[in-house]
Amino acid sequence: MFGYIIWNINPEITQLFGLLSLRYYSLLFFSGLILGYFVVRQFYINDQVPLERLEKLAIFIFIGTIAGARIGHCLFYEPDYYLQHPLEIFLPFEWSVDGRFKFTGYQGLASHGGAIGVLIAIITYCRKYKTPILWVLDRVAVAVPVTGAFIRFGNFMNSEIIGKPTNSNYGVVFQKVDYLPRHPAQLYEAAAYVLIFILLYRISRRVFTIYQDGFLFGLFLALLFGARFFIEFFKIIQSDFESSMALNMGQILSLPFITAGIVLMVWKKNIQKSI
C-alpha cells in the first residue's frame, strides 16, 4: 500500500497574448496580498481611521514586499551570480549569450528579505505621514501570515522549496524534481501560517486593550519565525553553500526575528495598559 501523492501540476495557467506567462504562483501571491489588505482594512474601520491612509500604506508595503523579497533572495542565496549581473536583480528578464533577453519574471523571492522590505516600507510610511509605527505593525502583523500561506501554496504549485525524502511510502512525489516521496514542506508552512493568523486575529482585540502597541507584533515575530525555524528541518537546502552549515540560511535568518519578537513582548508586557 502506498500513501504518497503524485504531484506534477503545470505551474503555468496560460500565456497572455503569447508573451506573458500567467502562473499559479503569481495569482496566489497577489491574492494573498489582497486578502491581507482586507484584513487590515477591517482594523482601520473598527478604529475609525480614514481608509485613505491604508491605501497609501498598501502601496508602500507592496513595493517593500517585492523589492525586499527579490533583493533578499539575490543577496542571501545567490550573491556570486547577482553581484556579477546586478541588473537581473531588478529587471524581470535575463540576458542571453547572443545579447537578447528572455522574460523570466522574478524567479527567486526570499521571505526574510520580504519581511525586511515590509518593515522598512512601514517605517518610511510612518515617518512620512506621522503615524505611530508600532500601531501600524500590530495591525499589519495579523494579516501577514495569511499572505504568507498563499505564497507557500504558490510554491507548492511550482514544486519548489520542497521537503526532504520521508524515507517511507508516504509523502508527495514532486515529479518535476525526482520520484522520491517527500515532505510537502510548503503545505506544512502554509498550515502553520493559517493557524497563526487565526490565533492573532482572535486575540487581537483583547491584546490591543491590555497591552501597549507592539506586543502583538512581537508575538507575531516569535510565532511565525519560530514556526519557520522548525519547519526548515523538513526542507532541502536552497543553495549548495548551506550543505556544510549546521543550520541553513532560513534558520539563521529567523533567529534575529524570533529574538526581537520575544524582547518586544517582554518589554511591552512590563508596561501593560491599566484595565
Foldseek 3Di string as FASTA:
>chain_A
DFAAAEDEFDQFPDADVVARTDGLLVVLLVVLLVQLLVQLVVVCVVVVHDCVLSVVLSVLLVVLQLLQFLVCFCVLAPVPVCVVVVVVSPDQWDADPVGDIHGHGRDGTHVLSSVVSNLVSLVVSCVVVVHDSLQSLLSSLLSVLSSLLSNLVSCVSVVPQWFDAPPDSYAYQHVVVHGGHAHRLSNQLSVQSVVSSVVSVVCVVVCVQWWDRQLNSLVSLQRNLVSQLVSVVGTDAPHPVQPPPPGGSSNVSSVVSNVSSVVSNVVGVVVIDDD
